[in-house]
PDB file of N, CA and C in Angstrom:
ATOM      1  N   MET A   1      -6.551   7.454  10.967  1.00  0.00           N
ATOM      2  CA  MET A   1      -6.328   5.980  11.047  1.00  0.00           C
ATOM      3  C   MET A   1      -4.702   5.917  11.000  1.00  0.00           C
ATOM      4  N   ILE A   2      -4.238   5.044  11.836  1.00  0.00           N
ATOM      5  CA  ILE A   2      -2.760   4.740  11.925  1.00  0.00           C
ATOM      6  C   ILE A   2      -2.500   3.262  11.433  1.00  0.00           C
ATOM      7  N   LEU A   3      -1.598   3.292  10.452  1.00  0.00           N
ATOM      8  CA  LEU A   3      -1.194   1.908  10.063  1.00  0.00           C
ATOM      9  C   LEU A   3       0.233   1.533  10.635  1.00  0.00           C
ATOM     10  N   ARG A   4       0.178   0.497  11.352  1.00  0.00           N
ATOM     11  CA  ARG A   4       1.443  -0.116  12.324  1.00  0.00           C
ATOM     12  C   ARG A   4       1.758  -1.473  11.913  1.00  0.00           C
ATOM     13  N   ASN A   5       3.038  -1.693  12.201  1.00  0.00           N
ATOM     14  CA  ASN A   5       3.462  -3.114  12.173  1.00  0.00           C
ATOM     15  C   ASN A   5       3.866  -3.377  13.450  1.00  0.00           C
ATOM     16  N   PRO A   6       2.953  -4.324  14.179  1.00  0.00           N
ATOM     17  CA  PRO A   6       3.310  -4.708  15.537  1.00  0.00           C
ATOM     18  C   PRO A   6       4.483  -5.303  15.750  1.00  0.00           C
ATOM     19  N   ARG A   7       5.070  -6.075  14.912  1.00  0.00           N
ATOM     20  CA  ARG A   7       6.322  -6.731  14.853  1.00  0.00           C
ATOM     21  C   ARG A   7       7.421  -5.842  15.240  1.00  0.00           C
ATOM     22  N   THR A   8       7.575  -4.850  14.496  1.00  0.00           N
ATOM     23  CA  THR A   8       8.654  -3.810  14.590  1.00  0.00           C
ATOM     24  C   THR A   8       8.128  -2.659  15.548  1.00  0.00           C
ATOM     25  N   GLY A   9       6.950  -2.412  15.609  1.00  0.00           N
ATOM     26  CA  GLY A   9       6.509  -1.339  16.379  1.00  0.00           C
ATOM     27  C   GLY A   9       6.468  -0.068  15.594  1.00  0.00           C
ATOM     28  N   ALA A  10       6.796  -0.235  14.335  1.00  0.00           N
ATOM     29  CA  ALA A  10       7.045   1.084  13.429  1.00  0.00           C
ATOM     30  C   ALA A  10       5.617   1.622  13.024  1.00  0.00           C
ATOM     31  N   VAL A  11       5.464   2.948  12.766  1.00  0.00           N
ATOM     32  CA  VAL A  11       4.388   3.401  12.068  1.00  0.00           C
ATOM     33  C   VAL A  11       4.461   3.487  10.638  1.00  0.00           C
ATOM     34  N   LEU A  12       3.717   2.817   9.880  1.00  0.00           N
ATOM     35  CA  LEU A  12       3.988   3.172   8.316  1.00  0.00           C
ATOM     36  C   LEU A  12       3.289   4.206   7.814  1.00  0.00           C
ATOM     37  N   ALA A  13       2.131   4.421   8.423  1.00  0.00           N
ATOM     38  CA  ALA A  13       1.393   5.861   7.991  1.00  0.00           C
ATOM     39  C   ALA A  13       0.428   6.262   9.152  1.00  0.00           C
ATOM     40  N   HIS A  14       0.440   7.603   9.308  1.00  0.00           N
ATOM     41  CA  HIS A  14      -0.423   8.111  10.410  1.00  0.00           C
ATOM     42  C   HIS A  14      -1.571   8.736   9.649  1.00  0.00           C
ATOM     43  N   ARG A  15      -1.796   8.768   8.370  1.00  0.00           N
ATOM     44  CA  ARG A  15      -2.904   9.320   7.914  1.00  0.00           C
ATOM     45  C   ARG A  15      -3.225   8.212   6.648  1.00  0.00           C
ATOM     46  N   VAL A  16      -4.226   7.347   6.770  1.00  0.00           N
ATOM     47  CA  VAL A  16      -4.584   6.401   5.930  1.00  0.00           C
ATOM     48  C   VAL A  16      -5.857   6.638   5.150  1.00  0.00           C
ATOM     49  N   GLU A  17      -5.834   6.822   3.773  1.00  0.00           N
ATOM     50  CA  GLU A  17      -7.087   6.958   2.975  1.00  0.00           C
ATOM     51  C   GLU A  17      -7.724   5.645   2.466  1.00  0.00           C
ATOM     52  N   ARG A  18      -8.799   5.569   2.302  1.00  0.00           N
ATOM     53  CA  ARG A  18      -9.290   4.261   1.853  1.00  0.00           C
ATOM     54  C   ARG A  18     -10.017   4.652   0.485  1.00  0.00           C
ATOM     55  N   ALA A  19      -9.704   3.693  -0.539  1.00  0.00           N
ATOM     56  CA  ALA A  19     -10.430   3.660  -1.780  1.00  0.00           C
ATOM     57  C   ALA A  19     -11.178   2.473  -1.994  1.00  0.00           C
ATOM     58  N   SER A  20     -12.462   2.415  -1.675  1.00  0.00           N
ATOM     59  CA  SER A  20     -13.249   1.135  -1.675  1.00  0.00           C
ATOM     60  C   SER A  20     -14.524   1.358  -2.785  1.00  0.00           C
ATOM     61  N   THR A  21     -14.739   2.483  -3.194  1.00  0.00           N
ATOM     62  CA  THR A  21     -15.847   2.554  -4.290  1.00  0.00           C
ATOM     63  C   THR A  21     -15.117   2.289  -5.660  1.00  0.00           C
ATOM     64  N   PRO A  22     -15.953   1.900  -6.657  1.00  0.00           N
ATOM     65  CA  PRO A  22     -15.198   1.565  -8.011  1.00  0.00           C
ATOM     66  C   PRO A  22     -14.538   2.840  -8.580  1.00  0.00           C
ATOM     67  N   LEU A  23     -15.026   4.064  -8.495  1.00  0.00           N
ATOM     68  CA  LEU A  23     -14.376   5.237  -8.901  1.00  0.00           C
ATOM     69  C   LEU A  23     -13.117   5.585  -8.107  1.00  0.00           C
ATOM     70  N   ALA A  24     -13.204   5.521  -6.975  1.00  0.00           N
ATOM     71  CA  ALA A  24     -12.016   5.712  -6.058  1.00  0.00           C
ATOM     72  C   ALA A  24     -10.848   4.786  -6.353  1.00  0.00           C
ATOM     73  N   ARG A  25     -11.352   3.471  -6.427  1.00  0.00           N
ATOM     74  CA  ARG A  25     -10.420   2.313  -6.837  1.00  0.00           C
ATOM     75  C   ARG A  25      -9.723   2.680  -8.078  1.00  0.00           C
ATOM     76  N   LEU A  26     -10.333   3.102  -9.045  1.00  0.00           N
ATOM     77  CA  LEU A  26      -9.900   3.290 -10.476  1.00  0.00           C
ATOM     78  C   LEU A  26      -8.854   4.499 -10.402  1.00  0.00           C
ATOM     79  N   ARG A  27      -9.391   5.437  -9.715  1.00  0.00           N
ATOM     80  CA  ARG A  27      -8.468   6.720  -9.711  1.00  0.00           C
ATOM     81  C   ARG A  27      -7.162   6.517  -8.825  1.00  0.00           C
ATOM     82  N   GLY A  28      -7.298   5.738  -7.691  1.00  0.00           N
ATOM     83  CA  GLY A  28      -6.009   5.655  -6.830  1.00  0.00           C
ATOM     84  C   GLY A  28      -5.309   6.865  -6.500  1.00  0.00           C
ATOM     85  N   LEU A  29      -4.008   6.678  -6.903  1.00  0.00           N
ATOM     86  CA  LEU A  29      -3.007   7.923  -6.779  1.00  0.00           C
ATOM     87  C   LEU A  29      -2.914   8.703  -8.123  1.00  0.00           C
ATOM     88  N   LEU A  30      -3.593   8.320  -9.159  1.00  0.00           N
ATOM     89  CA  LEU A  30      -3.518   9.182 -10.259  1.00  0.00           C
ATOM     90  C   LEU A  30      -3.851  10.671 -10.109  1.00  0.00           C
ATOM     91  N   GLY A  31      -3.008  11.533 -10.783  1.00  0.00           N
ATOM     92  CA  GLY A  31      -3.321  12.789 -10.867  1.00  0.00           C
ATOM     93  C   GLY A  31      -2.468  13.672  -9.645  1.00  0.00           C
ATOM     94  N   ARG A  32      -2.033  12.872  -8.689  1.00  0.00           N
ATOM     95  CA  ARG A  32      -1.189  13.358  -7.536  1.00  0.00           C
ATOM     96  C   ARG A  32       0.388  13.482  -7.909  1.00  0.00           C
ATOM     97  N   SER A  33       1.082  14.634  -7.302  1.00  0.00           N
ATOM     98  CA  SER A  33       2.290  14.670  -7.827  1.00  0.00           C
ATOM     99  C   SER A  33       3.426  13.933  -6.870  1.00  0.00           C
ATOM    100  N   ALA A  34       2.733  13.612  -5.653  1.00  0.00           N
ATOM    101  CA  ALA A  34       3.590  12.674  -4.710  1.00  0.00           C
ATOM    102  C   ALA A  34       2.664  12.239  -3.622  1.00  0.00           C
ATOM    103  N   LEU A  35       3.152  11.298  -3.017  1.00  0.00           N
ATOM    104  CA  LEU A  35       2.398  10.736  -1.682  1.00  0.00           C
ATOM    105  C   LEU A  35       3.308  11.094  -0.562  1.00  0.00           C
ATOM    106  N   PRO A  36       2.881  12.118   0.200  1.00  0.00           N
ATOM    107  CA  PRO A  36       3.730  12.598   1.264  1.00  0.00           C
ATOM    108  C   PRO A  36       3.981  11.289   2.312  1.00  0.00           C
ATOM    109  N   GLU A  37       5.310  11.517   2.913  1.00  0.00           N
ATOM    110  CA  GLU A  37       5.665  10.597   4.145  1.00  0.00           C
ATOM    111  C   GLU A  37       4.558  10.605   5.179  1.00  0.00           C
ATOM    112  N   GLY A  38       4.322   9.333   5.559  1.00  0.00           N
ATOM    113  CA  GLY A  38       3.315   9.489   6.749  1.00  0.00           C
ATOM    114  C   GLY A  38       1.879   9.179   6.141  1.00  0.00           C
ATOM    115  N   GLU A  39       1.793   9.021   4.666  1.00  0.00           N
ATOM    116  CA  GLU A  39       0.488   8.767   4.322  1.00  0.00           C
ATOM    117  C   GLU A  39       0.301   7.369   3.458  1.00  0.00           C
ATOM    118  N   ALA A  40      -1.012   6.990   3.297  1.00  0.00           N
ATOM    119  CA  ALA A  40      -0.960   5.620   2.595  1.00  0.00           C
ATOM    120  C   ALA A  40      -2.551   5.625   2.122  1.00  0.00           C
ATOM    121  N   LEU A  41      -2.663   4.916   1.095  1.00  0.00           N
ATOM    122  CA  LEU A  41      -3.823   4.580   0.444  1.00  0.00           C
ATOM    123  C   LEU A  41      -4.172   3.105   0.410  1.00  0.00           C
ATOM    124  N   VAL A  42      -5.196   2.720   0.959  1.00  0.00           N
ATOM    125  CA  VAL A  42      -5.695   1.431   1.059  1.00  0.00           C
ATOM    126  C   VAL A  42      -6.728   1.246  -0.031  1.00  0.00           C
ATOM    127  N   ILE A  43      -6.342   0.227  -1.029  1.00  0.00           N
ATOM    128  CA  ILE A  43      -7.457   0.127  -2.111  1.00  0.00           C
ATOM    129  C   ILE A  43      -8.016  -1.454  -1.722  1.00  0.00           C
ATOM    130  N   ASP A  44      -9.360  -1.374  -1.534  1.00  0.00           N
ATOM    131  CA  ASP A  44     -10.091  -2.642  -1.215  1.00  0.00           C
ATOM    132  C   ASP A  44     -11.489  -2.730  -1.877  1.00  0.00           C
ATOM    133  N   PRO A  45     -11.640  -3.767  -2.591  1.00  0.00           N
ATOM    134  CA  PRO A  45     -10.725  -5.089  -2.709  1.00  0.00           C
ATOM    135  C   PRO A  45      -9.656  -4.566  -4.056  1.00  0.00           C
ATOM    136  N   CYS A  46      -8.675  -5.402  -3.865  1.00  0.00           N
ATOM    137  CA  CYS A  46      -7.523  -5.212  -4.743  1.00  0.00           C
ATOM    138  C   CYS A  46      -6.627  -6.400  -4.788  1.00  0.00           C
ATOM    139  N   ALA A  47      -6.273  -6.861  -5.946  1.00  0.00           N
ATOM    140  CA  ALA A  47      -5.431  -8.129  -6.097  1.00  0.00           C
ATOM    141  C   ALA A  47      -4.045  -7.755  -6.883  1.00  0.00           C
ATOM    142  N   SER A  48      -4.075  -6.610  -7.650  1.00  0.00           N
ATOM    143  CA  SER A  48      -3.000  -6.110  -8.515  1.00  0.00           C
ATOM    144  C   SER A  48      -3.248  -4.632  -8.805  1.00  0.00           C
ATOM    145  N   ILE A  49      -2.196  -3.989  -9.103  1.00  0.00           N
ATOM    146  CA  ILE A  49      -2.066  -2.624  -9.193  1.00  0.00           C
ATOM    147  C   ILE A  49      -1.187  -2.288 -10.540  1.00  0.00           C
ATOM    148  N   HIS A  50      -1.153  -0.952 -11.030  1.00  0.00           N
ATOM    149  CA  HIS A  50      -0.434  -0.397 -11.989  1.00  0.00           C
ATOM    150  C   HIS A  50       0.013   0.979 -11.598  1.00  0.00           C
ATOM    151  N   THR A  51       1.131   1.332 -12.117  1.00  0.00           N
ATOM    152  CA  THR A  51       1.487   2.629 -11.910  1.00  0.00           C
ATOM    153  C   THR A  51       1.548   3.566 -13.112  1.00  0.00           C
ATOM    154  N   PHE A  52       0.808   3.283 -14.114  1.00  0.00           N
ATOM    155  CA  PHE A  52       0.565   3.898 -15.310  1.00  0.00           C
ATOM    156  C   PHE A  52       0.146   5.240 -15.027  1.00  0.00           C
ATOM    157  N   PHE A  53       0.812   6.145 -15.829  1.00  0.00           N
ATOM    158  CA  PHE A  53       0.392   7.791 -15.677  1.00  0.00           C
ATOM    159  C   PHE A  53       0.816   8.305 -14.278  1.00  0.00           C
ATOM    160  N   MET A  54       1.643   7.462 -13.341  1.00  0.00           N
ATOM    161  CA  MET A  54       1.904   8.182 -12.086  1.00  0.00           C
ATOM    162  C   MET A  54       3.335   8.801 -12.333  1.00  0.00           C
ATOM    163  N   ARG A  55       3.688   9.661 -11.438  1.00  0.00           N
ATOM    164  CA  ARG A  55       4.938  10.600 -11.501  1.00  0.00           C
ATOM    165  C   ARG A  55       5.870  10.129 -10.427  1.00  0.00           C
ATOM    166  N   PHE A  56       5.521   9.132  -9.481  1.00  0.00           N
ATOM    167  CA  PHE A  56       6.520   8.934  -8.323  1.00  0.00           C
ATOM    168  C   PHE A  56       6.440   7.364  -8.017  1.00  0.00           C
ATOM    169  N   PRO A  57       7.537   6.945  -7.621  1.00  0.00           N
ATOM    170  CA  PRO A  57       7.507   5.514  -7.234  1.00  0.00           C
ATOM    171  C   PRO A  57       6.978   5.253  -5.880  1.00  0.00           C
ATOM    172  N   ILE A  58       6.445   4.059  -5.705  1.00  0.00           N
ATOM    173  CA  ILE A  58       5.625   3.830  -4.287  1.00  0.00           C
ATOM    174  C   ILE A  58       5.977   2.376  -3.808  1.00  0.00           C
ATOM    175  N   ASP A  59       5.859   2.049  -2.538  1.00  0.00           N
ATOM    176  CA  ASP A  59       5.869   0.760  -1.998  1.00  0.00           C
ATOM    177  C   ASP A  59       4.444   0.326  -1.928  1.00  0.00           C
ATOM    178  N   ALA A  60       4.152  -0.976  -2.272  1.00  0.00           N
ATOM    179  CA  ALA A  60       2.961  -1.636  -2.246  1.00  0.00           C
ATOM    180  C   ALA A  60       2.927  -2.980  -1.364  1.00  0.00           C
ATOM    181  N   ALA A  61       2.137  -2.943  -0.322  1.00  0.00           N
ATOM    182  CA  ALA A  61       1.830  -4.108   0.456  1.00  0.00           C
ATOM    183  C   ALA A  61       0.524  -4.880   0.154  1.00  0.00           C
ATOM    184  N   PHE A  62       0.628  -5.929  -0.446  1.00  0.00           N
ATOM    185  CA  PHE A  62      -0.585  -6.713  -0.779  1.00  0.00           C
ATOM    186  C   PHE A  62      -0.958  -7.467   0.476  1.00  0.00           C
ATOM    187  N   LEU A  63      -2.183  -7.303   0.955  1.00  0.00           N
ATOM    188  CA  LEU A  63      -2.556  -7.878   2.370  1.00  0.00           C
ATOM    189  C   LEU A  63      -3.893  -8.713   2.193  1.00  0.00           C
ATOM    190  N   THR A  64      -3.942  -9.661   3.066  1.00  0.00           N
ATOM    191  CA  THR A  64      -5.165 -10.653   3.208  1.00  0.00           C
ATOM    192  C   THR A  64      -6.196  -9.893   4.042  1.00  0.00           C
ATOM    193  N   ARG A  65      -7.485 -10.567   4.167  1.00  0.00           N
ATOM    194  CA  ARG A  65      -8.506  -9.805   4.964  1.00  0.00           C
ATOM    195  C   ARG A  65      -7.930  -9.484   6.376  1.00  0.00           C
ATOM    196  N   ASP A  66      -7.123 -10.447   6.902  1.00  0.00           N
ATOM    197  CA  ASP A  66      -6.623 -10.162   8.226  1.00  0.00           C
ATOM    198  C   ASP A  66      -5.525  -9.523   8.303  1.00  0.00           C
ATOM    199  N   LEU A  67      -5.013  -8.806   7.343  1.00  0.00           N
ATOM    200  CA  LEU A  67      -4.005  -7.916   7.265  1.00  0.00           C
ATOM    201  C   LEU A  67      -2.647  -8.511   7.353  1.00  0.00           C
ATOM    202  N   ARG A  68      -2.460  -9.667   6.759  1.00  0.00           N
ATOM    203  CA  ARG A  68      -1.084 -10.365   6.739  1.00  0.00           C
ATOM    204  C   ARG A  68      -0.471  -9.909   5.275  1.00  0.00           C
ATOM    205  N   VAL A  69       0.534  -9.493   5.314  1.00  0.00           N
ATOM    206  CA  VAL A  69       1.350  -9.153   4.037  1.00  0.00           C
ATOM    207  C   VAL A  69       1.803 -10.375   3.336  1.00  0.00           C
ATOM    208  N   VAL A  70       1.100 -10.432   2.115  1.00  0.00           N
ATOM    209  CA  VAL A  70       1.416 -11.742   1.240  1.00  0.00           C
ATOM    210  C   VAL A  70       2.551 -11.321   0.047  1.00  0.00           C
ATOM    211  N   ARG A  71       2.487  -9.983  -0.200  1.00  0.00           N
ATOM    212  CA  ARG A  71       3.597  -9.540  -1.219  1.00  0.00           C
ATOM    213  C   ARG A  71       3.912  -8.222  -0.864  1.00  0.00           C
ATOM    214  N   ALA A  72       5.406  -7.913  -0.656  1.00  0.00           N
ATOM    215  CA  ALA A  72       5.687  -6.407  -0.346  1.00  0.00           C
ATOM    216  C   ALA A  72       6.494  -6.187  -1.562  1.00  0.00           C
ATOM    217  N   ILE A  73       6.379  -5.011  -2.190  1.00  0.00           N
ATOM    218  CA  ILE A  73       6.989  -4.447  -3.486  1.00  0.00           C
ATOM    219  C   ILE A  73       7.564  -3.201  -3.059  1.00  0.00           C
ATOM    220  N   LEU A  74       8.876  -3.241  -3.125  1.00  0.00           N
ATOM    221  CA  LEU A  74       9.529  -2.001  -2.806  1.00  0.00           C
ATOM    222  C   LEU A  74       9.852  -1.120  -3.935  1.00  0.00           C
ATOM    223  N   ASP A  75       9.641   0.230  -3.953  1.00  0.00           N
ATOM    224  CA  ASP A  75      10.062   1.130  -4.894  1.00  0.00           C
ATOM    225  C   ASP A  75       9.440   0.689  -6.567  1.00  0.00           C
ATOM    226  N   LEU A  76       8.254   0.614  -6.256  1.00  0.00           N
ATOM    227  CA  LEU A  76       7.626   0.274  -7.747  1.00  0.00           C
ATOM    228  C   LEU A  76       7.502   1.504  -8.610  1.00  0.00           C
ATOM    229  N   LYS A  77       8.291   1.524  -9.584  1.00  0.00           N
ATOM    230  CA  LYS A  77       8.301   2.746 -10.529  1.00  0.00           C
ATOM    231  C   LYS A  77       7.211   3.191 -11.400  1.00  0.00           C
ATOM    232  N   PRO A  78       7.079   4.244 -11.798  1.00  0.00           N
ATOM    233  CA  PRO A  78       6.051   4.616 -12.725  1.00  0.00           C
ATOM    234  C   PRO A  78       6.068   3.549 -14.085  1.00  0.00           C
ATOM    235  N   TRP A  79       4.760   3.537 -14.607  1.00  0.00           N
ATOM    236  CA  TRP A  79       4.643   2.592 -15.860  1.00  0.00           C
ATOM    237  C   TRP A  79       4.966   1.221 -15.566  1.00  0.00           C
ATOM    238  N   ARG A  80       4.556   0.728 -14.378  1.00  0.00           N
ATOM    239  CA  ARG A  80       4.925  -0.793 -14.086  1.00  0.00           C
ATOM    240  C   ARG A  80       3.533  -1.136 -13.817  1.00  0.00           C
ATOM    241  N   ALA A  81       3.376  -2.677 -13.697  1.00  0.00           N
ATOM    242  CA  ALA A  81       2.179  -3.454 -13.369  1.00  0.00           C
ATOM    243  C   ALA A  81       2.620  -4.428 -12.525  1.00  0.00           C
ATOM    244  N   THR A  82       1.805  -4.884 -11.570  1.00  0.00           N
ATOM    245  CA  THR A  82       2.105  -6.242 -10.707  1.00  0.00           C
ATOM    246  C   THR A  82       1.292  -7.230 -11.273  1.00  0.00           C
ATOM    247  N   ARG A  83       1.625  -8.389 -11.032  1.00  0.00           N
ATOM    248  CA  ARG A  83       0.712  -9.578 -11.389  1.00  0.00           C
ATOM    249  C   ARG A  83      -0.373  -9.628 -10.250  1.00  0.00           C
ATOM    250  N   PRO A  84      -1.393 -10.450 -10.448  1.00  0.00           N
ATOM    251  CA  PRO A  84      -2.411 -10.335  -9.520  1.00  0.00           C
ATOM    252  C   PRO A  84      -1.933 -11.485  -8.190  1.00  0.00           C
ATOM    253  N   TYR A  85      -2.270 -11.184  -7.115  1.00  0.00           N
ATOM    254  CA  TYR A  85      -1.700 -11.943  -5.904  1.00  0.00           C
ATOM    255  C   TYR A  85      -3.067 -12.731  -5.438  1.00  0.00           C
ATOM    256  N   ARG A  86      -3.327 -13.794  -5.575  1.00  0.00           N
ATOM    257  CA  ARG A  86      -4.567 -14.657  -5.359  1.00  0.00           C
ATOM    258  C   ARG A  86      -4.786 -14.457  -3.917  1.00  0.00           C
ATOM    259  N   GLU A  87      -4.038 -14.422  -3.041  1.00  0.00           N
ATOM    260  CA  GLU A  87      -4.383 -14.241  -1.596  1.00  0.00           C
ATOM    261  C   GLU A  87      -4.728 -12.918  -1.059  1.00  0.00           C
ATOM    262  N   ALA A  88      -4.460 -11.823  -1.858  1.00  0.00           N
ATOM    263  CA  ALA A  88      -4.621 -10.448  -1.581  1.00  0.00           C
ATOM    264  C   ALA A  88      -6.057 -10.159  -1.748  1.00  0.00           C
ATOM    265  N   ALA A  89      -6.456  -9.354  -0.570  1.00  0.00           N
ATOM    266  CA  ALA A  89      -7.733  -8.866  -0.497  1.00  0.00           C
ATOM    267  C   ALA A  89      -7.744  -7.388  -0.880  1.00  0.00           C
ATOM    268  N   MET A  90      -6.517  -6.642  -0.423  1.00  0.00           N
ATOM    269  CA  MET A  90      -6.336  -5.422  -0.581  1.00  0.00           C
ATOM    270  C   MET A  90      -4.940  -4.954  -0.745  1.00  0.00           C
ATOM    271  N   VAL A  91      -4.608  -3.755  -1.095  1.00  0.00           N
ATOM    272  CA  VAL A  91      -3.257  -3.295  -1.179  1.00  0.00           C
ATOM    273  C   VAL A  91      -3.211  -1.961  -0.374  1.00  0.00           C
ATOM    274  N   VAL A  92      -2.024  -1.807   0.145  1.00  0.00           N
ATOM    275  CA  VAL A  92      -1.606  -0.645   0.784  1.00  0.00           C
ATOM    276  C   VAL A  92      -0.477   0.060  -0.029  1.00  0.00           C
ATOM    277  N   GLU A  93      -0.819   1.328  -0.563  1.00  0.00           N
ATOM    278  CA  GLU A  93       0.223   1.964  -1.344  1.00  0.00           C
ATOM    279  C   GLU A  93       0.816   3.101  -0.403  1.00  0.00           C
ATOM    280  N   LEU A  94       2.174   3.174  -0.333  1.00  0.00           N
ATOM    281  CA  LEU A  94       2.967   4.032   0.521  1.00  0.00           C
ATOM    282  C   LEU A  94       3.997   4.645  -0.250  1.00  0.00           C
ATOM    283  N   PRO A  95       4.652   5.758   0.327  1.00  0.00           N
ATOM    284  CA  PRO A  95       5.643   6.450  -0.300  1.00  0.00           C
ATOM    285  C   PRO A  95       6.876   5.496  -0.495  1.00  0.00           C
ATOM    286  N   GLY A  96       7.644   5.450  -1.615  1.00  0.00           N
ATOM    287  CA  GLY A  96       8.748   4.683  -1.907  1.00  0.00           C
ATOM    288  C   GLY A  96       9.706   4.761  -0.708  1.00  0.00           C
ATOM    289  N   GLY A  97      10.150   3.567  -0.061  1.00  0.00           N
ATOM    290  CA  GLY A  97      11.144   3.548   0.890  1.00  0.00           C
ATOM    291  C   GLY A  97      10.414   3.293   2.290  1.00  0.00           C
ATOM    292  N   THR A  98       9.200   3.313   2.320  1.00  0.00           N
ATOM    293  CA  THR A  98       8.392   2.994   3.746  1.00  0.00           C
ATOM    294  C   THR A  98       8.662   1.641   4.178  1.00  0.00           C
ATOM    295  N   LEU A  99       8.588   0.586   3.343  1.00  0.00           N
ATOM    296  CA  LEU A  99       8.677  -0.718   3.789  1.00  0.00           C
ATOM    297  C   LEU A  99      10.040  -1.079   4.273  1.00  0.00           C
ATOM    298  N   ALA A 100      10.847  -0.541   3.614  1.00  0.00           N
ATOM    299  CA  ALA A 100      12.479  -0.860   4.007  1.00  0.00           C
ATOM    300  C   ALA A 100      12.638  -0.115   5.411  1.00  0.00           C
ATOM    301  N   ARG A 101      12.328   1.234   5.395  1.00  0.00           N
ATOM    302  CA  ARG A 101      12.475   2.066   6.675  1.00  0.00           C
ATOM    303  C   ARG A 101      11.850   1.424   7.831  1.00  0.00           C
ATOM    304  N   THR A 102      10.605   0.817   7.672  1.00  0.00           N
ATOM    305  CA  THR A 102       9.880   0.232   8.730  1.00  0.00           C
ATOM    306  C   THR A 102      10.146  -1.374   8.954  1.00  0.00           C
ATOM    307  N   GLY A 103      11.063  -1.843   8.221  1.00  0.00           N
ATOM    308  CA  GLY A 103      11.462  -3.385   8.322  1.00  0.00           C
ATOM    309  C   GLY A 103      10.218  -4.127   7.916  1.00  0.00           C
ATOM    310  N   THR A 104       9.091  -3.829   7.368  1.00  0.00           N
ATOM    311  CA  THR A 104       7.925  -4.461   6.880  1.00  0.00           C
ATOM    312  C   THR A 104       8.211  -5.548   5.872  1.00  0.00           C
ATOM    313  N   ARG A 105       7.908  -6.824   6.124  1.00  0.00           N
ATOM    314  CA  ARG A 105       8.269  -7.833   5.045  1.00  0.00           C
ATOM    315  C   ARG A 105       7.088  -8.739   4.973  1.00  0.00           C
ATOM    316  N   GLU A 106       7.135  -9.743   3.969  1.00  0.00           N
ATOM    317  CA  GLU A 106       6.026 -10.701   3.766  1.00  0.00           C
ATOM    318  C   GLU A 106       5.903 -11.459   5.049  1.00  0.00           C
ATOM    319  N   GLY A 107       4.751 -11.768   5.355  1.00  0.00           N
ATOM    320  CA  GLY A 107       4.458 -12.564   6.637  1.00  0.00           C
ATOM    321  C   GLY A 107       4.050 -11.787   7.639  1.00  0.00           C
ATOM    322  N   ASP A 108       4.443 -10.515   7.626  1.00  0.00           N
ATOM    323  CA  ASP A 108       4.070  -9.516   8.855  1.00  0.00           C
ATOM    324  C   ASP A 108       2.554  -9.336   8.908  1.00  0.00           C
ATOM    325  N   PHE A 109       2.030  -9.156  10.052  1.00  0.00           N
ATOM    326  CA  PHE A 109       0.624  -8.655  10.138  1.00  0.00           C
ATOM    327  C   PHE A 109       0.564  -7.267  10.528  1.00  0.00           C
ATOM    328  N   LEU A 110      -0.111  -6.429   9.843  1.00  0.00           N
ATOM    329  CA  LEU A 110      -0.406  -5.047  10.165  1.00  0.00           C
ATOM    330  C   LEU A 110      -1.594  -4.651  11.050  1.00  0.00           C
ATOM    331  N   SER A 111      -1.584  -3.618  11.637  1.00  0.00           N
ATOM    332  CA  SER A 111      -2.782  -3.195  12.255  1.00  0.00           C
ATOM    333  C   SER A 111      -3.299  -1.674  11.815  1.00  0.00           C
ATOM    334  N   ILE A 112      -4.537  -1.579  11.786  1.00  0.00           N
ATOM    335  CA  ILE A 112      -5.056  -0.218  11.555  1.00  0.00           C
ATOM    336  C   ILE A 112      -5.758   0.334  12.832  1.00  0.00           C
ATOM    337  N   GLU A 113      -5.376   1.263  13.317  1.00  0.00           N
ATOM    338  CA  GLU A 113      -5.725   1.818  14.589  1.00  0.00           C
ATOM    339  C   GLU A 113      -6.509   3.128  14.241  1.00  0.00           C
ATOM    340  N   SER A 114      -7.463   3.482  15.071  1.00  0.00           N
ATOM    341  CA  SER A 114      -8.390   4.758  14.873  1.00  0.00           C
ATOM    342  C   SER A 114      -7.359   5.757  15.701  1.00  0.00           C
TER     343      SER A 114
END
């Protein structure tokens, strides 16, 4: 799957993993040494995240069901937590710097293509 920002035409990720079971959502990115460029993890459902026990910073885009970005967090460092975002149905976790590089911001609609 490819995650794209139609407004900018930028590809945020060319490999998208989905965590939708309770165990997969609990695990998230824990235990990984990095999230390679071009990869993303979609956690669904999800309204808040933490980076406890993580080894690297990430970007996080909280999305509504129709994939509108309601909150974009750049460079979320390890040992941090976000507040819950009431409108969010899911979150996309990306390598740090991805949102800035692609010009993705709050209000953008993203698309997931096969």
